[in-house]
Amino acid sequence: MSFFGKYNGTSNTRLLRMERLIWILIYGGLLTLVLAWFTENTQATSATGLYAVGAVAVAMGLVVFYLRSLQKEE
């Protein structure tokens, strides 16, 4: 018996799209934040915009993650 139950995904296409969108937003936002961190020394104004875009993407991913947790499998 394992601690985590086996999760094979969902067959509901709407929920599947939400799950994919969550990871795209979170990982894309984190990648953008890392890119902004590397460009901070050479182009400060571009880095500020990238920080903002990355933070918004991660925040949106977390909001969709919360909304997905409220949804029930049918």
N, C-alpha and C. Protein backbone atom coordinates (compact mmCIF):
# COMPACT_ATOMS: atom_id res chain seq x y z
N MET A 1 0.85 -1.18 0.00
CA MET A 1 0.00 0.00 0.00
C MET A 1 0.89 1.24 0.00
N SER A 2 0.66 2.09 -0.94
CA SER A 2 1.48 3.29 -1.05
C SER A 2 0.80 4.48 -0.39
N PHE A 3 1.60 5.49 -0.11
CA PHE A 3 1.07 6.69 0.53
C PHE A 3 0.16 7.45 -0.42
N PHE A 4 0.59 7.59 -1.67
CA PHE A 4 -0.20 8.29 -2.67
C PHE A 4 -0.96 7.27 -3.50
N GLY A 5 -2.24 7.56 -3.74
CA GLY A 5 -3.03 6.69 -4.60
C GLY A 5 -2.60 6.86 -6.05
N LYS A 6 -2.85 5.86 -6.85
CA LYS A 6 -2.49 5.94 -8.26
C LYS A 6 -3.46 6.87 -8.97
N TYR A 7 -2.91 7.82 -9.73
CA TYR A 7 -3.73 8.77 -10.47
C TYR A 7 -3.41 8.63 -11.94
N ASN A 8 -4.37 8.18 -12.71
CA ASN A 8 -4.17 7.97 -14.14
C ASN A 8 -4.64 9.15 -14.97
N GLY A 9 -4.98 10.25 -14.34
CA GLY A 9 -5.47 11.39 -15.09
C GLY A 9 -6.99 11.38 -15.16
N THR A 10 -7.50 12.29 -15.91
CA THR A 10 -8.94 12.43 -16.03
C THR A 10 -9.36 12.16 -17.47
N SER A 11 -10.58 11.74 -17.63
CA SER A 11 -11.11 11.55 -18.98
C SER A 11 -11.93 12.75 -19.43
N ASN A 12 -12.18 13.68 -18.51
CA ASN A 12 -12.93 14.89 -18.83
C ASN A 12 -11.99 15.87 -19.54
N THR A 13 -12.35 16.28 -20.76
CA THR A 13 -11.44 17.13 -21.54
C THR A 13 -11.28 18.51 -20.94
N ARG A 14 -12.30 19.05 -20.32
CA ARG A 14 -12.19 20.38 -19.70
C ARG A 14 -11.21 20.36 -18.54
N LEU A 15 -11.29 19.33 -17.72
CA LEU A 15 -10.36 19.22 -16.59
C LEU A 15 -8.94 18.92 -17.07
N LEU A 16 -8.82 18.15 -18.13
CA LEU A 16 -7.51 17.86 -18.69
C LEU A 16 -6.85 19.13 -19.22
N ARG A 17 -7.61 19.99 -19.87
CA ARG A 17 -7.07 21.27 -20.34
C ARG A 17 -6.64 22.15 -19.18
N MET A 18 -7.42 22.13 -18.11
CA MET A 18 -7.04 22.92 -16.93
C MET A 18 -5.73 22.42 -16.34
N GLU A 19 -5.57 21.10 -16.25
CA GLU A 19 -4.35 20.54 -15.70
C GLU A 19 -3.14 20.88 -16.56
N ARG A 20 -3.30 20.83 -17.85
CA ARG A 20 -2.19 21.21 -18.75
C ARG A 20 -1.87 22.70 -18.62
N LEU A 21 -2.91 23.52 -18.55
CA LEU A 21 -2.71 24.96 -18.42
C LEU A 21 -1.98 25.32 -17.13
N ILE A 22 -2.28 24.61 -16.06
CA ILE A 22 -1.63 24.86 -14.77
C ILE A 22 -0.13 24.73 -14.91
N TRP A 23 0.33 23.61 -15.48
CA TRP A 23 1.77 23.37 -15.55
C TRP A 23 2.45 24.26 -16.57
N ILE A 24 1.76 24.60 -17.64
CA ILE A 24 2.34 25.53 -18.61
C ILE A 24 2.55 26.89 -17.96
N LEU A 25 1.55 27.38 -17.21
CA LEU A 25 1.68 28.68 -16.58
C LEU A 25 2.76 28.68 -15.49
N ILE A 26 2.78 27.66 -14.66
CA ILE A 26 3.74 27.64 -13.55
C ILE A 26 5.16 27.49 -14.08
N TYR A 27 5.42 26.50 -14.92
CA TYR A 27 6.78 26.31 -15.41
C TYR A 27 7.20 27.42 -16.36
N GLY A 28 6.30 27.92 -17.18
CA GLY A 28 6.63 29.04 -18.05
C GLY A 28 6.94 30.29 -17.26
N GLY A 29 6.18 30.55 -16.20
CA GLY A 29 6.45 31.70 -15.35
C GLY A 29 7.77 31.58 -14.62
N LEU A 30 8.07 30.39 -14.11
CA LEU A 30 9.36 30.19 -13.43
C LEU A 30 10.53 30.34 -14.40
N LEU A 31 10.38 29.83 -15.60
CA LEU A 31 11.42 29.98 -16.61
C LEU A 31 11.62 31.45 -16.97
N THR A 32 10.54 32.20 -17.06
CA THR A 32 10.64 33.63 -17.34
C THR A 32 11.33 34.37 -16.19
N LEU A 33 11.05 33.98 -14.96
CA LEU A 33 11.71 34.60 -13.81
C LEU A 33 13.22 34.33 -13.83
N VAL A 34 13.61 33.12 -14.19
CA VAL A 34 15.04 32.80 -14.28
C VAL A 34 15.69 33.59 -15.41
N LEU A 35 15.01 33.70 -16.53
CA LEU A 35 15.52 34.49 -17.64
C LEU A 35 15.69 35.96 -17.24
N ALA A 36 14.75 36.49 -16.49
CA ALA A 36 14.85 37.87 -16.02
C ALA A 36 16.02 38.03 -15.08
N TRP A 37 16.26 37.03 -14.25
CA TRP A 37 17.38 37.09 -13.31
C TRP A 37 18.72 37.14 -14.05
N PHE A 38 18.83 36.38 -15.16
CA PHE A 38 20.06 36.39 -15.93
C PHE A 38 20.24 37.67 -16.74
N THR A 39 19.17 38.30 -17.18
CA THR A 39 19.29 39.51 -17.98
C THR A 39 19.29 40.78 -17.14
N GLU A 40 19.21 40.65 -15.84
CA GLU A 40 19.12 41.81 -14.96
C GLU A 40 20.34 42.72 -15.04
N ASN A 41 21.53 42.16 -15.17
CA ASN A 41 22.75 42.96 -15.18
C ASN A 41 22.95 43.72 -16.48
N THR A 42 22.48 43.18 -17.60
CA THR A 42 22.73 43.83 -18.88
C THR A 42 21.59 44.74 -19.32
N GLN A 43 20.36 44.33 -19.07
CA GLN A 43 19.20 45.12 -19.51
C GLN A 43 18.20 45.20 -18.38
N ALA A 44 18.32 46.20 -17.56
CA ALA A 44 17.50 46.30 -16.36
C ALA A 44 16.02 46.51 -16.69
N THR A 45 15.73 47.30 -17.71
CA THR A 45 14.32 47.57 -18.01
C THR A 45 13.63 46.32 -18.57
N SER A 46 14.34 45.56 -19.38
CA SER A 46 13.76 44.31 -19.90
C SER A 46 13.56 43.30 -18.78
N ALA A 47 14.50 43.27 -17.85
CA ALA A 47 14.40 42.33 -16.73
C ALA A 47 13.20 42.65 -15.85
N THR A 48 12.92 43.93 -15.66
CA THR A 48 11.77 44.31 -14.84
C THR A 48 10.47 43.82 -15.48
N GLY A 49 10.35 43.97 -16.78
CA GLY A 49 9.17 43.48 -17.48
C GLY A 49 9.06 41.97 -17.42
N LEU A 50 10.20 41.28 -17.55
CA LEU A 50 10.18 39.83 -17.47
C LEU A 50 9.82 39.35 -16.08
N TYR A 51 10.31 40.05 -15.05
CA TYR A 51 9.92 39.71 -13.68
C TYR A 51 8.41 39.82 -13.51
N ALA A 52 7.83 40.88 -14.05
CA ALA A 52 6.39 41.10 -13.90
C ALA A 52 5.60 40.01 -14.65
N VAL A 53 6.00 39.71 -15.87
CA VAL A 53 5.30 38.69 -16.66
C VAL A 53 5.42 37.32 -16.00
N GLY A 54 6.61 36.99 -15.52
CA GLY A 54 6.81 35.70 -14.86
C GLY A 54 6.01 35.56 -13.59
N ALA A 55 5.99 36.63 -12.79
CA ALA A 55 5.23 36.58 -11.53
C ALA A 55 3.73 36.46 -11.79
N VAL A 56 3.24 37.16 -12.80
CA VAL A 56 1.82 37.06 -13.14
C VAL A 56 1.47 35.67 -13.65
N ALA A 57 2.35 35.08 -14.45
CA ALA A 57 2.09 33.73 -14.97
C ALA A 57 2.05 32.70 -13.84
N VAL A 58 2.99 32.80 -12.90
CA VAL A 58 3.00 31.87 -11.78
C VAL A 58 1.75 32.07 -10.92
N ALA A 59 1.37 33.32 -10.68
CA ALA A 59 0.18 33.59 -9.89
C ALA A 59 -1.08 33.05 -10.58
N MET A 60 -1.17 33.23 -11.88
CA MET A 60 -2.32 32.69 -12.61
C MET A 60 -2.34 31.17 -12.55
N GLY A 61 -1.17 30.55 -12.64
CA GLY A 61 -1.09 29.10 -12.53
C GLY A 61 -1.58 28.60 -11.18
N LEU A 62 -1.22 29.33 -10.12
CA LEU A 62 -1.67 28.94 -8.79
C LEU A 62 -3.18 29.13 -8.61
N VAL A 63 -3.72 30.18 -9.22
CA VAL A 63 -5.17 30.40 -9.16
C VAL A 63 -5.91 29.29 -9.90
N VAL A 64 -5.43 28.91 -11.08
CA VAL A 64 -6.07 27.83 -11.82
C VAL A 64 -5.90 26.51 -11.07
N PHE A 65 -4.76 26.32 -10.40
CA PHE A 65 -4.54 25.14 -9.57
C PHE A 65 -5.58 25.06 -8.45
N TYR A 66 -5.86 26.19 -7.83
CA TYR A 66 -6.87 26.23 -6.77
C TYR A 66 -8.26 25.94 -7.34
N LEU A 67 -8.57 26.55 -8.46
CA LEU A 67 -9.88 26.32 -9.08
C LEU A 67 -10.04 24.87 -9.50
N ARG A 68 -8.96 24.25 -9.98
CA ARG A 68 -9.02 22.84 -10.36
C ARG A 68 -9.26 21.96 -9.13
N SER A 69 -8.72 22.35 -7.99
CA SER A 69 -8.92 21.55 -6.78
C SER A 69 -10.37 21.57 -6.31
N LEU A 70 -11.12 22.58 -6.71
CA LEU A 70 -12.52 22.67 -6.34
C LEU A 70 -13.42 21.85 -7.25
N GLN A 71 -12.93 21.50 -8.44
CA GLN A 71 -13.71 20.75 -9.41
C GLN A 71 -13.76 19.28 -9.03
N LYS A 72 -14.87 18.64 -9.31
CA LYS A 72 -15.06 17.21 -9.03
C LYS A 72 -15.07 16.44 -10.34
N GLU A 73 -14.50 15.26 -10.30
CA GLU A 73 -14.53 14.37 -11.46
C GLU A 73 -15.95 13.81 -11.61
N GLU A 74 -16.46 13.85 -12.80
CA GLU A 74 -17.82 13.37 -13.05
C GLU A 74 -17.84 11.95 -13.56
